[in-house]
Protein backbone atom coordinates (compact mmCIF):
# COMPACT_ATOMS: atom_id res chain seq x y z
CA MET A 1 26.04 -25.94 -55.22
CA LEU A 2 22.80 -26.81 -53.48
CA GLY A 3 19.63 -26.51 -55.77
CA GLU A 4 21.34 -25.87 -59.03
CA THR A 5 21.83 -28.52 -61.96
CA VAL A 6 24.91 -30.85 -62.12
CA GLN A 7 25.95 -32.41 -65.37
CA LEU A 8 28.44 -35.63 -65.28
CA ASN A 9 29.73 -36.31 -68.85
CA CYS A 10 30.31 -39.90 -69.84
CA LEU A 11 31.66 -39.74 -73.39
CA ALA A 12 32.45 -43.12 -75.11
CA SER A 13 32.59 -44.44 -78.73
CA GLY A 14 32.88 -47.53 -80.53
CA VAL A 15 31.23 -49.87 -83.14
CA PRO A 16 28.77 -50.86 -82.43
CA SER A 17 27.97 -47.67 -80.32
CA PRO A 18 28.38 -48.12 -76.59
CA ARG A 19 25.36 -48.23 -74.09
CA ILE A 20 26.12 -45.76 -71.23
CA THR A 21 24.69 -46.55 -67.70
CA TRP A 22 25.07 -44.81 -64.46
CA THR A 23 25.10 -46.00 -60.99
CA LYS A 24 25.75 -44.76 -57.69
CA ALA A 25 27.83 -46.21 -54.49
CA ALA A 26 25.84 -47.20 -51.36
CA PRO A 27 26.93 -44.81 -48.71
CA ALA A 28 29.46 -46.15 -46.34
CA SER A 29 28.33 -47.37 -43.04
CA LYS A 30 29.45 -45.15 -40.12
CA GLY A 31 32.50 -46.27 -38.54
CA SER A 32 33.72 -48.45 -41.45
CA ALA A 33 36.86 -47.62 -43.24
CA ALA A 34 35.95 -47.29 -46.79
CA VAL A 35 38.23 -49.37 -49.08
CA SER A 36 39.02 -48.28 -52.66
CA GLY A 37 37.01 -50.27 -55.00
CA SER A 38 34.89 -51.82 -52.45
CA SER A 39 31.76 -49.75 -52.74
CA SER A 40 28.72 -51.65 -54.01
CA PHE A 41 26.73 -49.60 -56.69
CA SER A 42 22.95 -49.51 -57.37
CA ASP A 43 20.68 -48.17 -59.99
CA LEU A 44 20.18 -44.50 -59.50
CA ARG A 45 16.41 -44.52 -58.50
CA ASN A 46 17.22 -47.48 -56.09
CA ALA A 47 20.13 -45.24 -54.57
CA GLY A 48 17.71 -42.36 -53.94
CA VAL A 49 18.36 -40.29 -57.13
CA THR A 50 15.07 -39.31 -58.43
CA ASN A 51 15.84 -36.17 -60.12
CA HIS A 52 18.15 -37.08 -63.10
CA ARG A 53 17.98 -37.88 -66.67
CA VAL A 54 20.59 -39.38 -69.05
CA LEU A 55 21.11 -37.55 -72.35
CA ALA A 56 21.66 -39.52 -75.67
CA ASN A 57 25.46 -38.85 -75.37
CA GLY A 58 25.60 -40.17 -72.04
CA THR A 59 25.60 -37.26 -69.79
CA LEU A 60 23.90 -37.44 -66.55
CA VAL A 61 21.99 -34.41 -65.74
CA MET A 62 20.59 -33.87 -62.24
CA GLU A 63 18.40 -30.88 -61.31
CA ARG A 64 17.82 -29.19 -58.05
CA VAL A 65 20.49 -31.27 -56.40
CA GLY A 66 20.63 -31.81 -52.65
CA ALA A 67 22.15 -33.92 -50.01
CA ALA A 68 20.95 -37.35 -51.70
CA ASN A 69 22.88 -36.38 -54.67
CA GLU A 70 26.23 -36.59 -52.96
CA GLY A 71 28.39 -39.49 -53.40
CA LYS A 72 30.33 -41.45 -56.07
CA TYR A 73 28.71 -42.23 -59.42
CA LEU A 74 30.09 -44.86 -61.93
CA CYS A 75 29.67 -44.31 -65.47
CA LYS A 76 30.10 -47.76 -67.63
CA ALA A 77 30.20 -48.01 -71.32
CA GLU A 78 29.94 -51.24 -73.14
CA ASN A 79 29.12 -52.49 -76.56
CA GLY A 80 29.58 -56.14 -76.33
CA VAL A 81 33.27 -56.03 -77.87
CA GLY A 82 36.01 -56.38 -75.22
CA GLU A 83 35.50 -55.42 -71.69
CA PRO A 84 33.49 -52.65 -70.57
CA ILE A 85 35.15 -49.38 -69.46
CA SER A 86 34.06 -47.09 -66.60
CA LYS A 87 34.82 -43.86 -64.96
CA LEU A 88 34.38 -42.96 -61.29
CA VAL A 89 33.08 -39.22 -60.39
CA GLU A 90 32.47 -37.83 -56.91
CA VAL A 91 29.85 -35.17 -56.25
CA ASP A 92 30.09 -32.90 -53.25
CA ILE A 93 26.98 -30.59 -52.68
CA ASN A 94 28.03 -27.18 -51.32
CA SER A 95 25.56 -24.41 -49.83
CA LYS A 96 25.74 -20.90 -48.72
CA VAL A 97 26.39 -20.38 -44.99
CA PHE A 98 23.19 -19.34 -42.94
CA LEU A 99 23.16 -17.84 -39.57
CA GLY A 100 20.39 -16.71 -37.74
CA GLY A 101 17.77 -17.02 -40.65
CA GLY A 102 19.87 -14.81 -42.80
CA THR A 103 22.43 -15.23 -45.32
CA LEU A 104 26.17 -14.36 -45.25
């Protein structure tokens, strides 16, 4: 919900302990069809997400969410052993309906 706090979990384990990183997909340009897996991902600050922190367990916390927080987020866990693993999460921000300056 608009203005609230959102938490995205990315829990991973391994030996050595994995490093967790979060990135956000660049928005698709208007008129282009989005192809699965074709999004380019950027560091959260470069993607305009400034209201976030990552907890020690890998959970991404975004406070006072707004339109800039909508989109696809990729959590990646890697520890240098084998291939990294990742999880894609999509965030949609909803808000109350407003009409004529009042709330419904």
